[in-house]
Amino acid sequence: MAGFTVSSLSNYTVEDKADLKLKGVYGAVSMPLFTVREGIKYSEKLPYLTTDPQMQADSTCASINVSGDGGTIAQITLTVDGIKFEDGWCFKDLESKFTQKYLRAGAKIDENSANELVNTIMDDYTARIAKKMEAAIWQSSKTQGGSNTNFKQFNGFIQTLETAGGYVNQQTVAGTSYASITTANVLTIMDNQWLAVPADLKRNDNLVTAMGDDTFDKLIIALKNANNYNWTATSADAGKRELVYPGTTMKIVAVPGLNADNNSSLPAVFKNRIITFEKDNFVVGTDMISDMDDWTTWYETKEDKLYTRNRYKITTGVFFTDRVVSFATA
C-alpha cells in the first residue's frame, strides 16, 4: 500500500504557532471630564463660596449701606473608599500544555520564568481594570450595586447626585417624561436638555453633556435622518465620540461608563442617564491619582507563585447640584 498509515493518530490542531492575541478593550474615558482632588487619606471637607451682591440706588451722600450677604462659605465632604485588585499565577500550570513555550529553559521557577507572557497578561489586566473603573465612576453604588462586586465598592456620580438631590430634573422642566430613549424621541430629549440648562451656564466653556455610547449612537442616527448633521470622520477623529449639538453650544461626549448594559442588575435610575455639568463641579477624590497605575508585583518563593496587587482610594463629589441637569428614563 502506497503512502503513510495514520489511522491510529488523532487529528492535530496547531496550537503553538501564534502569539497571544488580546481582545481590545477601552480604557478610562470619563476621567478627563472631572476635577481630581488628591491627598485624601480618609475624609476631607472641601470649602466653596457663594455671594449675592445687591444693587442699590446711589442718589445721596450717605454712609455705607451693607445690603449683600457678604458671602456664604460651605463645605462638601469627600470620604474615600479603599479599592484593590489582586491576582496570582503559578507557572507550573503551563508546563504540561503548549503554553510551555512561554517558559524559559530550565527547571528553576522565579519571577523571570515567563516575562513575555506576564507582560501580555498585565497589559490586558490593566486595560480591563480601566474599563471597570470607567463604569464604576458613574454607576457604582454602595447601597444599590447589587451582587456585582465591581459596582458596590464606592459611590459613583449618579449615586452621589441622587443622594444629594437638588439637581435640575429635565423632565420636570420640560413637563414630559419618556420610558426609553429611541431614535424617534432622542432629538426632543436633547432639545429639552439644552432648554433646561440654567442660562448662566450656557456660556461656560467647561460645560459638557455626557451620555452612554448607546444613547449617542441613537442621537447620531436621528441627526443624520433629520439632515441636520453632516460630518465625515478623519484619522484625527479616531476614537473621538463627541459633537456640538446643532444650533447650540452644548458639547456632547459619549462615555462608556453610562452605557445601559454595563450591569443589567442595576436599578433603572442608573441607566440611560444624560447629565450636563461643569468640569470643576464634578470632583473625584483620591489619595494619589497615580495609584491607579502603580502596581506591586512580587514572586513568592514559598508558594512558587507570581502575585500582583493594585490599591487606591476613590470617591466622587459634586459642589453645586443645582448647576447639574439630569435626564433619566421614567
C-alpha atoms as a PDB file:
ATOM      1  CA  MET A   1       0.000   0.000   0.000  1.00  0.00           C
ATOM      2  CA  ALA A   2       1.413   3.349  -1.019  1.00  0.00           C
ATOM      3  CA  GLY A   3       1.637   6.271   1.415  1.00  0.00           C
ATOM      4  CA  PHE A   4       1.553   6.571   5.204  1.00  0.00           C
ATOM      5  CA  THR A   5      -0.808   4.753   7.524  1.00  0.00           C
ATOM      6  CA  VAL A   6      -2.028   7.287  10.102  1.00  0.00           C
ATOM      7  CA  SER A   7      -5.412   5.900  11.131  1.00  0.00           C
ATOM      8  CA  SER A   8      -4.251   5.352  14.722  1.00  0.00           C
ATOM      9  CA  LEU A   9      -3.321   9.017  15.181  1.00  0.00           C
ATOM     10  CA  SER A  10      -5.666  11.726  16.372  1.00  0.00           C
ATOM     11  CA  ASN A  11      -6.219  14.762  14.183  1.00  0.00           C
ATOM     12  CA  TYR A  12      -3.798  17.515  15.149  1.00  0.00           C
ATOM     13  CA  THR A  13      -4.535  21.204  15.612  1.00  0.00           C
ATOM     14  CA  VAL A  14      -1.544  23.536  15.665  1.00  0.00           C
ATOM     15  CA  GLU A  15      -1.583  25.349  18.978  1.00  0.00           C
ATOM     16  CA  ASP A  16       1.856  26.851  19.428  1.00  0.00           C
ATOM     17  CA  LYS A  17       2.494  28.937  16.322  1.00  0.00           C
ATOM     18  CA  ALA A  18       0.745  32.209  17.049  1.00  0.00           C
ATOM     19  CA  ASP A  19       1.435  34.744  19.763  1.00  0.00           C
ATOM     20  CA  LEU A  20      -1.278  35.592  22.255  1.00  0.00           C
ATOM     21  CA  LYS A  21      -3.915  37.899  20.851  1.00  0.00           C
ATOM     22  CA  LEU A  22      -5.550  40.360  23.223  1.00  0.00           C
ATOM     23  CA  LYS A  23      -9.212  41.275  22.954  1.00  0.00           C
ATOM     24  CA  GLY A  24      -9.365  45.022  22.601  1.00  0.00           C
ATOM     25  CA  VAL A  25     -10.998  46.921  25.445  1.00  0.00           C
ATOM     26  CA  TYR A  26     -11.430  50.616  26.033  1.00  0.00           C
ATOM     27  CA  GLY A  27      -9.657  52.366  28.865  1.00  0.00           C
ATOM     28  CA  ALA A  28     -10.788  55.168  31.132  1.00  0.00           C
ATOM     29  CA  VAL A  29     -12.699  57.721  29.045  1.00  0.00           C
ATOM     30  CA  SER A  30     -14.540  59.894  31.570  1.00  0.00           C
ATOM     31  CA  MET A  31     -11.731  60.827  33.962  1.00  0.00           C
ATOM     32  CA  PRO A  32     -10.551  63.859  31.910  1.00  0.00           C
ATOM     33  CA  LEU A  33     -14.065  65.312  32.282  1.00  0.00           C
ATOM     34  CA  PHE A  34     -13.683  65.683  36.062  1.00  0.00           C
ATOM     35  CA  THR A  35     -11.572  67.640  38.520  1.00  0.00           C
ATOM     36  CA  VAL A  36      -9.301  65.417  40.637  1.00  0.00           C
ATOM     37  CA  ARG A  37      -8.649  66.215  44.304  1.00  0.00           C
ATOM     38  CA  GLU A  38      -5.618  64.340  45.635  1.00  0.00           C
ATOM     39  CA  GLY A  39      -4.225  63.856  49.128  1.00  0.00           C
ATOM     40  CA  ILE A  40      -7.323  62.382  50.778  1.00  0.00           C
ATOM     41  CA  LYS A  41      -6.289  59.561  53.100  1.00  0.00           C
ATOM     42  CA  TYR A  42      -9.743  59.059  54.579  1.00  0.00           C
ATOM     43  CA  SER A  43     -12.029  62.091  54.617  1.00  0.00           C
ATOM     44  CA  GLU A  44     -11.702  65.745  53.706  1.00  0.00           C
ATOM     45  CA  LYS A  45     -14.040  68.724  53.661  1.00  0.00           C
ATOM     46  CA  LEU A  46     -13.783  70.915  50.568  1.00  0.00           C
ATOM     47  CA  PRO A  47     -14.968  74.512  51.064  1.00  0.00           C
ATOM     48  CA  TYR A  48     -16.838  76.555  48.498  1.00  0.00           C
ATOM     49  CA  LEU A  49     -18.043  80.171  48.428  1.00  0.00           C
ATOM     50  CA  THR A  50     -21.164  81.843  47.063  1.00  0.00           C
ATOM     51  CA  THR A  51     -22.094  85.549  47.238  1.00  0.00           C
ATOM     52  CA  ASP A  52     -25.241  87.532  46.466  1.00  0.00           C
ATOM     53  CA  PRO A  53     -24.476  91.239  45.925  1.00  0.00           C
ATOM     54  CA  GLN A  54     -27.494  93.591  45.869  1.00  0.00           C
ATOM     55  CA  MET A  55     -27.907  96.566  43.553  1.00  0.00           C
ATOM     56  CA  GLN A  56     -28.761  99.864  45.332  1.00  0.00           C
ATOM     57  CA  ALA A  57     -29.763 103.371  44.348  1.00  0.00           C
ATOM     58  CA  ASP A  58     -26.916 105.921  44.508  1.00  0.00           C
ATOM     59  CA  SER A  59     -28.722 109.261  44.905  1.00  0.00           C
ATOM     60  CA  THR A  60     -27.329 110.817  48.083  1.00  0.00           C
ATOM     61  CA  CYS A  61     -24.175 111.074  50.132  1.00  0.00           C
ATOM     62  CA  ALA A  62     -24.752 108.541  52.836  1.00  0.00           C
ATOM     63  CA  SER A  63     -22.951 106.049  54.972  1.00  0.00           C
ATOM     64  CA  ILE A  64     -22.221 102.633  53.541  1.00  0.00           C
ATOM     65  CA  ASN A  65     -25.345 100.534  53.379  1.00  0.00           C
ATOM     66  CA  VAL A  66     -24.411  96.876  53.527  1.00  0.00           C
ATOM     67  CA  SER A  67     -27.148  95.008  51.693  1.00  0.00           C
ATOM     68  CA  GLY A  68     -25.440  91.922  50.291  1.00  0.00           C
ATOM     69  CA  ASP A  69     -24.940  88.703  52.185  1.00  0.00           C
ATOM     70  CA  GLY A  70     -21.171  89.103  52.297  1.00  0.00           C
ATOM     71  CA  GLY A  71     -20.674  85.575  51.040  1.00  0.00           C
ATOM     72  CA  THR A  72     -21.592  82.127  52.253  1.00  0.00           C
ATOM     73  CA  ILE A  73     -18.874  79.576  52.876  1.00  0.00           C
ATOM     74  CA  ALA A  74     -19.954  75.951  52.995  1.00  0.00           C
ATOM     75  CA  GLN A  75     -18.357  72.521  52.565  1.00  0.00           C
ATOM     76  CA  ILE A  76     -18.801  69.191  50.889  1.00  0.00           C
ATOM     77  CA  THR A  77     -17.264  66.090  52.426  1.00  0.00           C
ATOM     78  CA  LEU A  78     -15.298  63.569  50.398  1.00  0.00           C
ATOM     79  CA  THR A  79     -14.750  60.255  52.182  1.00  0.00           C
ATOM     80  CA  VAL A  80     -12.715  57.880  50.063  1.00  0.00           C
ATOM     81  CA  ASP A  81     -13.193  54.118  49.885  1.00  0.00           C
ATOM     82  CA  GLY A  82     -10.282  51.725  49.571  1.00  0.00           C
ATOM     83  CA  ILE A  83     -10.241  49.633  46.383  1.00  0.00           C
ATOM     84  CA  LYS A  84      -7.852  46.863  45.410  1.00  0.00           C
ATOM     85  CA  PHE A  85      -7.229  44.341  42.647  1.00  0.00           C
ATOM     86  CA  GLU A  86      -5.177  41.224  43.380  1.00  0.00           C
ATOM     87  CA  ASP A  87      -4.240  38.179  41.351  1.00  0.00           C
ATOM     88  CA  GLY A  88      -1.644  35.420  41.150  1.00  0.00           C
ATOM     89  CA  TRP A  89      -0.183  32.915  38.695  1.00  0.00           C
ATOM     90  CA  CYS A  90       1.518  29.542  39.052  1.00  0.00           C
ATOM     91  CA  PHE A  91       3.920  28.911  36.173  1.00  0.00           C
ATOM     92  CA  LYS A  92       3.882  25.155  36.716  1.00  0.00           C
ATOM     93  CA  ASP A  93       0.338  25.177  35.331  1.00  0.00           C
ATOM     94  CA  LEU A  94       1.883  25.924  31.923  1.00  0.00           C
ATOM     95  CA  GLU A  95       4.349  23.051  31.782  1.00  0.00           C
ATOM     96  CA  SER A  96       2.081  20.258  30.531  1.00  0.00           C
ATOM     97  CA  LYS A  97       0.416  22.262  27.744  1.00  0.00           C
ATOM     98  CA  PHE A  98       1.602  24.046  24.619  1.00  0.00           C
ATOM     99  CA  THR A  99       1.922  27.077  26.914  1.00  0.00           C
ATOM    100  CA  GLN A 100       5.288  25.662  27.966  1.00  0.00           C
ATOM    101  CA  LYS A 101       6.679  27.657  25.039  1.00  0.00           C
ATOM    102  CA  TYR A 102       6.237  30.791  27.154  1.00  0.00           C
ATOM    103  CA  LEU A 103       8.562  29.431  29.844  1.00  0.00           C
ATOM    104  CA  ARG A 104      12.290  29.958  29.706  1.00  0.00           C
ATOM    105  CA  ALA A 105      14.627  26.966  29.573  1.00  0.00           C
ATOM    106  CA  GLY A 106      15.474  25.228  32.831  1.00  0.00           C
ATOM    107  CA  ALA A 107      13.593  23.782  35.770  1.00  0.00           C
ATOM    108  CA  LYS A 108      14.144  26.805  38.002  1.00  0.00           C
ATOM    109  CA  ILE A 109      10.996  28.853  38.552  1.00  0.00           C
ATOM    110  CA  ASP A 110      11.095  32.502  39.593  1.00  0.00           C
ATOM    111  CA  GLU A 111       9.719  35.924  38.677  1.00  0.00           C
ATOM    112  CA  ASN A 112      11.553  35.846  35.321  1.00  0.00           C
ATOM    113  CA  SER A 113      10.246  32.460  34.193  1.00  0.00           C
ATOM    114  CA  ALA A 114       7.742  33.877  31.672  1.00  0.00           C
ATOM    115  CA  ASN A 115       8.403  37.576  31.175  1.00  0.00           C
ATOM    116  CA  GLU A 116       6.708  37.896  27.796  1.00  0.00           C
ATOM    117  CA  LEU A 117       3.575  36.126  28.971  1.00  0.00           C
ATOM    118  CA  VAL A 118       3.362  38.113  32.207  1.00  0.00           C
ATOM    119  CA  ASN A 119       3.759  41.408  30.346  1.00  0.00           C
ATOM    120  CA  THR A 120       0.953  40.412  27.978  1.00  0.00           C
ATOM    121  CA  ILE A 121      -1.266  39.383  30.889  1.00  0.00           C
ATOM    122  CA  MET A 122      -0.661  42.670  32.686  1.00  0.00           C
ATOM    123  CA  ASP A 123      -1.423  44.720  29.570  1.00  0.00           C
ATOM    124  CA  ASP A 124      -4.798  43.006  29.328  1.00  0.00           C
ATOM    125  CA  TYR A 125      -5.358  43.119  33.088  1.00  0.00           C
ATOM    126  CA  THR A 126      -4.768  46.856  33.422  1.00  0.00           C
ATOM    127  CA  ALA A 127      -6.950  47.624  30.390  1.00  0.00           C
ATOM    128  CA  ARG A 128      -9.842  45.655  31.864  1.00  0.00           C
ATOM    129  CA  ILE A 129      -9.468  47.377  35.219  1.00  0.00           C
ATOM    130  CA  ALA A 130      -9.654  50.728  33.433  1.00  0.00           C
ATOM    131  CA  LYS A 131     -12.872  49.530  31.772  1.00  0.00           C
ATOM    132  CA  LYS A 132     -14.355  48.518  35.125  1.00  0.00           C
ATOM    133  CA  MET A 133     -13.392  51.864  36.662  1.00  0.00           C
ATOM    134  CA  GLU A 134     -14.934  53.744  33.737  1.00  0.00           C
ATOM    135  CA  ALA A 135     -18.315  52.156  34.508  1.00  0.00           C
ATOM    136  CA  ALA A 136     -17.924  52.403  38.284  1.00  0.00           C
ATOM    137  CA  ILE A 137     -17.069  56.120  38.316  1.00  0.00           C
ATOM    138  CA  TRP A 138     -20.603  56.747  37.039  1.00  0.00           C
ATOM    139  CA  GLN A 139     -22.757  53.783  38.066  1.00  0.00           C
ATOM    140  CA  SER A 140     -21.310  52.232  41.221  1.00  0.00           C
ATOM    141  CA  SER A 141     -23.303  52.410  44.442  1.00  0.00           C
ATOM    142  CA  LYS A 142     -22.501  51.027  47.872  1.00  0.00           C
ATOM    143  CA  THR A 143     -26.212  50.638  48.570  1.00  0.00           C
ATOM    144  CA  GLN A 144     -27.603  49.629  45.164  1.00  0.00           C
ATOM    145  CA  GLY A 145     -24.691  47.909  43.435  1.00  0.00           C
ATOM    146  CA  GLY A 146     -26.288  44.508  43.931  1.00  0.00           C
ATOM    147  CA  SER A 147     -24.310  41.299  43.760  1.00  0.00           C
ATOM    148  CA  ASN A 148     -21.820  42.621  41.192  1.00  0.00           C
ATOM    149  CA  THR A 149     -18.699  43.388  43.207  1.00  0.00           C
ATOM    150  CA  ASN A 150     -17.470  45.829  40.555  1.00  0.00           C
ATOM    151  CA  PHE A 151     -20.390  48.188  41.212  1.00  0.00           C
ATOM    152  CA  LYS A 152     -20.569  48.423  45.010  1.00  0.00           C
ATOM    153  CA  GLN A 153     -17.153  49.438  46.329  1.00  0.00           C
ATOM    154  CA  PHE A 154     -17.753  53.215  46.277  1.00  0.00           C
ATOM    155  CA  ASN A 155     -20.386  55.712  45.179  1.00  0.00           C
ATOM    156  CA  GLY A 156     -20.139  56.927  41.600  1.00  0.00           C
ATOM    157  CA  PHE A 157     -21.516  60.232  40.350  1.00  0.00           C
ATOM    158  CA  ILE A 158     -25.086  59.022  39.768  1.00  0.00           C
ATOM    159  CA  GLN A 159     -25.427  57.804  43.358  1.00  0.00           C
ATOM    160  CA  THR A 160     -23.766  60.994  44.616  1.00  0.00           C
ATOM    161  CA  LEU A 161     -26.293  63.093  42.697  1.00  0.00           C
ATOM    162  CA  GLU A 162     -29.242  61.024  43.861  1.00  0.00           C
ATOM    163  CA  THR A 163     -28.107  61.203  47.498  1.00  0.00           C
ATOM    164  CA  ALA A 164     -27.539  64.963  47.453  1.00  0.00           C
ATOM    165  CA  GLY A 165     -30.569  65.818  45.300  1.00  0.00           C
ATOM    166  CA  GLY A 166     -31.282  69.367  44.171  1.00  0.00           C
ATOM    167  CA  TYR A 167     -30.198  68.880  40.565  1.00  0.00           C
ATOM    168  CA  VAL A 168     -32.246  70.199  37.644  1.00  0.00           C
ATOM    169  CA  ASN A 169     -34.572  67.426  36.526  1.00  0.00           C
ATOM    170  CA  GLN A 170     -35.002  67.831  32.794  1.00  0.00           C
ATOM    171  CA  GLN A 171     -38.360  66.042  32.720  1.00  0.00           C
ATOM    172  CA  THR A 172     -39.761  68.329  35.410  1.00  0.00           C
ATOM    173  CA  VAL A 173     -38.681  71.426  33.482  1.00  0.00           C
ATOM    174  CA  ALA A 174     -39.998  70.071  30.178  1.00  0.00           C
ATOM    175  CA  GLY A 175     -43.186  68.676  31.697  1.00  0.00           C
ATOM    176  CA  THR A 176     -42.745  65.348  29.939  1.00  0.00           C
ATOM    177  CA  SER A 177     -41.036  62.013  30.514  1.00  0.00           C
ATOM    178  CA  TYR A 178     -40.001  59.011  28.459  1.00  0.00           C
ATOM    179  CA  ALA A 179     -39.877  55.307  29.230  1.00  0.00           C
ATOM    180  CA  SER A 180     -36.932  54.800  26.875  1.00  0.00           C
ATOM    181  CA  ILE A 181     -34.575  56.661  24.553  1.00  0.00           C
ATOM    182  CA  THR A 182     -35.136  55.943  20.870  1.00  0.00           C
ATOM    183  CA  THR A 183     -34.120  57.416  17.528  1.00  0.00           C
ATOM    184  CA  ALA A 184     -37.655  58.836  17.348  1.00  0.00           C
ATOM    185  CA  ASN A 185     -37.522  60.833  20.605  1.00  0.00           C
ATOM    186  CA  VAL A 186     -33.828  61.494  21.241  1.00  0.00           C
ATOM    187  CA  LEU A 187     -33.832  64.879  19.452  1.00  0.00           C
ATOM    188  CA  THR A 188     -36.723  66.104  21.591  1.00  0.00           C
ATOM    189  CA  ILE A 189     -34.938  64.849  24.695  1.00  0.00           C
ATOM    190  CA  MET A 190     -31.764  66.725  23.730  1.00  0.00           C
ATOM    191  CA  ASP A 191     -33.715  69.880  22.887  1.00  0.00           C
ATOM    192  CA  ASN A 192     -35.257  69.722  26.353  1.00  0.00           C
ATOM    193  CA  GLN A 193     -31.841  69.062  27.908  1.00  0.00           C
ATOM    194  CA  TRP A 194     -30.476  72.277  26.423  1.00  0.00           C
ATOM    195  CA  LEU A 195     -33.562  74.256  27.394  1.00  0.00           C
ATOM    196  CA  ALA A 196     -33.232  73.014  30.988  1.00  0.00           C
ATOM    197  CA  VAL A 197     -29.626  74.230  31.330  1.00  0.00           C
ATOM    198  CA  PRO A 198     -29.603  77.375  33.519  1.00  0.00           C
ATOM    199  CA  ALA A 199     -28.858  80.461  31.429  1.00  0.00           C
ATOM    200  CA  ASP A 200     -25.705  81.390  33.339  1.00  0.00           C
ATOM    201  CA  LEU A 201     -24.135  78.016  32.489  1.00  0.00           C
ATOM    202  CA  LYS A 202     -24.586  78.156  28.725  1.00  0.00           C
ATOM    203  CA  ARG A 203     -21.537  80.375  28.176  1.00  0.00           C
ATOM    204  CA  ASN A 204     -19.313  78.290  30.426  1.00  0.00           C
ATOM    205  CA  ASP A 205     -16.545  76.784  28.304  1.00  0.00           C
ATOM    206  CA  ASN A 206     -16.123  73.726  30.560  1.00  0.00           C
ATOM    207  CA  LEU A 207     -19.770  72.688  30.297  1.00  0.00           C
ATOM    208  CA  VAL A 208     -20.237  69.167  28.951  1.00  0.00           C
ATOM    209  CA  THR A 209     -23.144  66.777  28.431  1.00  0.00           C
ATOM    210  CA  ALA A 210     -22.273  63.118  28.991  1.00  0.00           C
ATOM    211  CA  MET A 211     -24.297  60.166  27.730  1.00  0.00           C
ATOM    212  CA  GLY A 212     -23.699  56.486  27.078  1.00  0.00           C
ATOM    213  CA  ASP A 213     -22.412  55.197  23.757  1.00  0.00           C
ATOM    214  CA  ASP A 214     -25.803  53.579  23.212  1.00  0.00           C
ATOM    215  CA  THR A 215     -27.630  56.900  23.527  1.00  0.00           C
ATOM    216  CA  PHE A 216     -25.002  58.699  21.449  1.00  0.00           C
ATOM    217  CA  ASP A 217     -25.494  56.253  18.579  1.00  0.00           C
ATOM    218  CA  LYS A 218     -29.233  56.897  18.587  1.00  0.00           C
ATOM    219  CA  LEU A 219     -28.561  60.631  18.560  1.00  0.00           C
ATOM    220  CA  ILE A 220     -26.204  60.379  15.584  1.00  0.00           C
ATOM    221  CA  ILE A 221     -28.737  58.342  13.603  1.00  0.00           C
ATOM    222  CA  ALA A 222     -31.559  60.774  14.439  1.00  0.00           C
ATOM    223  CA  LEU A 223     -29.453  63.772  13.381  1.00  0.00           C
ATOM    224  CA  LYS A 224     -28.462  62.036  10.164  1.00  0.00           C
ATOM    225  CA  ASN A 225     -32.055  61.146   9.374  1.00  0.00           C
ATOM    226  CA  ALA A 226     -33.150  64.714  10.047  1.00  0.00           C
ATOM    227  CA  ASN A 227     -30.453  66.015   7.676  1.00  0.00           C
ATOM    228  CA  ASN A 228     -29.106  68.172  10.487  1.00  0.00           C
ATOM    229  CA  TYR A 229     -25.720  66.577  10.695  1.00  0.00           C
ATOM    230  CA  ASN A 230     -23.062  66.303   8.016  1.00  0.00           C
ATOM    231  CA  TRP A 231     -19.670  65.157   9.205  1.00  0.00           C
ATOM    232  CA  THR A 232     -17.127  62.722   7.849  1.00  0.00           C
ATOM    233  CA  ALA A 233     -14.646  61.261  10.291  1.00  0.00           C
ATOM    234  CA  THR A 234     -10.930  61.585   9.573  1.00  0.00           C
ATOM    235  CA  SER A 235      -7.986  59.729  11.071  1.00  0.00           C
ATOM    236  CA  ALA A 236      -7.602  62.560  13.589  1.00  0.00           C
ATOM    237  CA  ASP A 237     -11.132  61.830  14.862  1.00  0.00           C
ATOM    238  CA  ALA A 238     -10.463  58.150  15.500  1.00  0.00           C
ATOM    239  CA  GLY A 239     -11.754  57.206  18.927  1.00  0.00           C
ATOM    240  CA  LYS A 240     -13.491  60.541  19.466  1.00  0.00           C
ATOM    241  CA  ARG A 241     -17.183  60.253  20.215  1.00  0.00           C
ATOM    242  CA  GLU A 242     -18.295  63.825  20.696  1.00  0.00           C
ATOM    243  CA  LEU A 243     -20.046  66.659  18.916  1.00  0.00           C
ATOM    244  CA  VAL A 244     -21.606  70.058  19.487  1.00  0.00           C
ATOM    245  CA  TYR A 245     -25.385  69.772  19.380  1.00  0.00           C
ATOM    246  CA  PRO A 246     -26.544  71.615  16.230  1.00  0.00           C
ATOM    247  CA  GLY A 247     -27.842  75.114  16.875  1.00  0.00           C
ATOM    248  CA  THR A 248     -26.388  75.256  20.420  1.00  0.00           C
ATOM    249  CA  THR A 249     -23.046  75.420  22.191  1.00  0.00           C
ATOM    250  CA  MET A 250     -23.746  72.183  24.065  1.00  0.00           C
ATOM    251  CA  LYS A 251     -20.762  69.822  23.813  1.00  0.00           C
ATOM    252  CA  ILE A 252     -21.876  66.190  23.924  1.00  0.00           C
ATOM    253  CA  VAL A 253     -19.461  63.407  24.855  1.00  0.00           C
ATOM    254  CA  ALA A 254     -20.211  59.685  24.651  1.00  0.00           C
ATOM    255  CA  VAL A 255     -18.794  57.804  27.635  1.00  0.00           C
ATOM    256  CA  PRO A 256     -18.996  54.010  28.013  1.00  0.00           C
ATOM    257  CA  GLY A 257     -19.381  54.450  31.762  1.00  0.00           C
ATOM    258  CA  LEU A 258     -23.008  55.479  31.173  1.00  0.00           C
ATOM    259  CA  ASN A 259     -23.910  52.558  28.902  1.00  0.00           C
ATOM    260  CA  ALA A 260     -27.139  50.883  29.974  1.00  0.00           C
ATOM    261  CA  ASP A 261     -25.738  47.380  29.549  1.00  0.00           C
ATOM    262  CA  ASN A 262     -22.761  47.771  31.908  1.00  0.00           C
ATOM    263  CA  ASN A 263     -24.662  45.981  34.660  1.00  0.00           C
ATOM    264  CA  SER A 264     -28.114  44.601  33.936  1.00  0.00           C
ATOM    265  CA  SER A 265     -28.939  44.250  37.634  1.00  0.00           C
ATOM    266  CA  LEU A 266     -28.598  47.965  38.406  1.00  0.00           C
ATOM    267  CA  PRO A 267     -31.823  49.883  39.132  1.00  0.00           C
ATOM    268  CA  ALA A 268     -33.262  51.820  36.190  1.00  0.00           C
ATOM    269  CA  VAL A 269     -32.160  55.160  37.665  1.00  0.00           C
ATOM    270  CA  PHE A 270     -28.536  54.245  36.838  1.00  0.00           C
ATOM    271  CA  LYS A 271     -29.275  53.559  33.165  1.00  0.00           C
ATOM    272  CA  ASN A 272     -29.964  55.821  30.186  1.00  0.00           C
ATOM    273  CA  ARG A 273     -28.802  58.918  32.051  1.00  0.00           C
ATOM    274  CA  ILE A 274     -27.893  62.144  30.279  1.00  0.00           C
ATOM    275  CA  ILE A 275     -26.013  64.548  32.554  1.00  0.00           C
ATOM    276  CA  THR A 276     -24.916  68.124  31.844  1.00  0.00           C
ATOM    277  CA  PHE A 277     -22.297  69.534  34.215  1.00  0.00           C
ATOM    278  CA  GLU A 278     -19.167  71.665  34.576  1.00  0.00           C
ATOM    279  CA  LYS A 279     -15.775  70.021  34.946  1.00  0.00           C
ATOM    280  CA  ASP A 280     -14.895  71.994  38.062  1.00  0.00           C
ATOM    281  CA  ASN A 281     -18.210  70.996  39.677  1.00  0.00           C
ATOM    282  CA  PHE A 282     -17.612  67.215  39.485  1.00  0.00           C
ATOM    283  CA  VAL A 283     -14.786  66.095  41.767  1.00  0.00           C
ATOM    284  CA  VAL A 284     -13.004  62.760  42.021  1.00  0.00           C
ATOM    285  CA  GLY A 285     -11.416  62.407  45.451  1.00  0.00           C
ATOM    286  CA  THR A 286      -8.361  60.185  45.839  1.00  0.00           C
ATOM    287  CA  ASP A 287      -5.081  59.903  47.712  1.00  0.00           C
ATOM    288  CA  MET A 288      -2.898  59.869  44.595  1.00  0.00           C
ATOM    289  CA  ILE A 289      -4.315  59.584  41.084  1.00  0.00           C
ATOM    290  CA  SER A 290      -1.115  57.797  40.031  1.00  0.00           C
ATOM    291  CA  ASP A 291      -2.002  54.937  42.417  1.00  0.00           C
ATOM    292  CA  MET A 292      -4.290  53.631  39.684  1.00  0.00           C
ATOM    293  CA  ASP A 293      -1.214  52.860  37.569  1.00  0.00           C
ATOM    294  CA  ASP A 294       1.104  51.825  40.407  1.00  0.00           C
ATOM    295  CA  TRP A 295       1.296  48.036  40.629  1.00  0.00           C
ATOM    296  CA  THR A 296       3.115  45.916  43.181  1.00  0.00           C
ATOM    297  CA  THR A 297       4.318  42.630  41.659  1.00  0.00           C
ATOM    298  CA  TRP A 298       6.353  40.033  43.520  1.00  0.00           C
ATOM    299  CA  TYR A 299       7.324  36.379  43.341  1.00  0.00           C
ATOM    300  CA  GLU A 300       6.517  34.317  46.436  1.00  0.00           C
ATOM    301  CA  THR A 301       9.197  31.607  46.583  1.00  0.00           C
ATOM    302  CA  LYS A 302       7.403  29.654  49.292  1.00  0.00           C
ATOM    303  CA  GLU A 303       4.393  29.130  47.027  1.00  0.00           C
ATOM    304  CA  ASP A 304       6.123  29.340  43.634  1.00  0.00           C
ATOM    305  CA  LYS A 305       3.606  31.945  42.505  1.00  0.00           C
ATOM    306  CA  LEU A 306       3.774  35.384  40.994  1.00  0.00           C
ATOM    307  CA  TYR A 307       1.408  37.876  42.655  1.00  0.00           C
ATOM    308  CA  THR A 308       0.239  41.353  41.751  1.00  0.00           C
ATOM    309  CA  ARG A 309      -1.701  43.962  43.699  1.00  0.00           C
ATOM    310  CA  ASN A 310      -3.067  47.425  42.944  1.00  0.00           C
ATOM    311  CA  ARG A 311      -4.528  49.609  45.705  1.00  0.00           C
ATOM    312  CA  TYR A 312      -6.063  53.058  45.604  1.00  0.00           C
ATOM    313  CA  LYS A 313      -8.688  55.229  47.250  1.00  0.00           C
ATOM    314  CA  ILE A 314     -11.534  56.917  45.441  1.00  0.00           C
ATOM    315  CA  THR A 315     -14.879  58.679  45.784  1.00  0.00           C
ATOM    316  CA  THR A 316     -16.959  61.247  43.908  1.00  0.00           C
ATOM    317  CA  GLY A 317     -18.429  64.612  44.896  1.00  0.00           C
ATOM    318  CA  VAL A 318     -20.466  67.470  43.447  1.00  0.00           C
ATOM    319  CA  PHE A 319     -20.165  71.043  44.737  1.00  0.00           C
ATOM    320  CA  PHE A 320     -23.354  72.579  43.316  1.00  0.00           C
ATOM    321  CA  THR A 321     -26.073  70.110  42.358  1.00  0.00           C
ATOM    322  CA  ASP A 322     -28.336  72.959  41.206  1.00  0.00           C
ATOM    323  CA  ARG A 323     -25.835  73.510  38.364  1.00  0.00           C
ATOM    324  CA  VAL A 324     -26.363  69.958  37.065  1.00  0.00           C
ATOM    325  CA  VAL A 325     -29.059  68.980  34.548  1.00  0.00           C
ATOM    326  CA  SER A 326     -30.073  65.322  34.503  1.00  0.00           C
ATOM    327  CA  PHE A 327     -32.299  63.156  32.354  1.00  0.00           C
ATOM    328  CA  ALA A 328     -33.363  59.647  33.334  1.00  0.00           C
ATOM    329  CA  THR A 329     -35.995  57.449  31.754  1.00  0.00           C
ATOM    330  CA  ALA A 330     -39.215  57.140  33.735  1.00  0.00           C
END
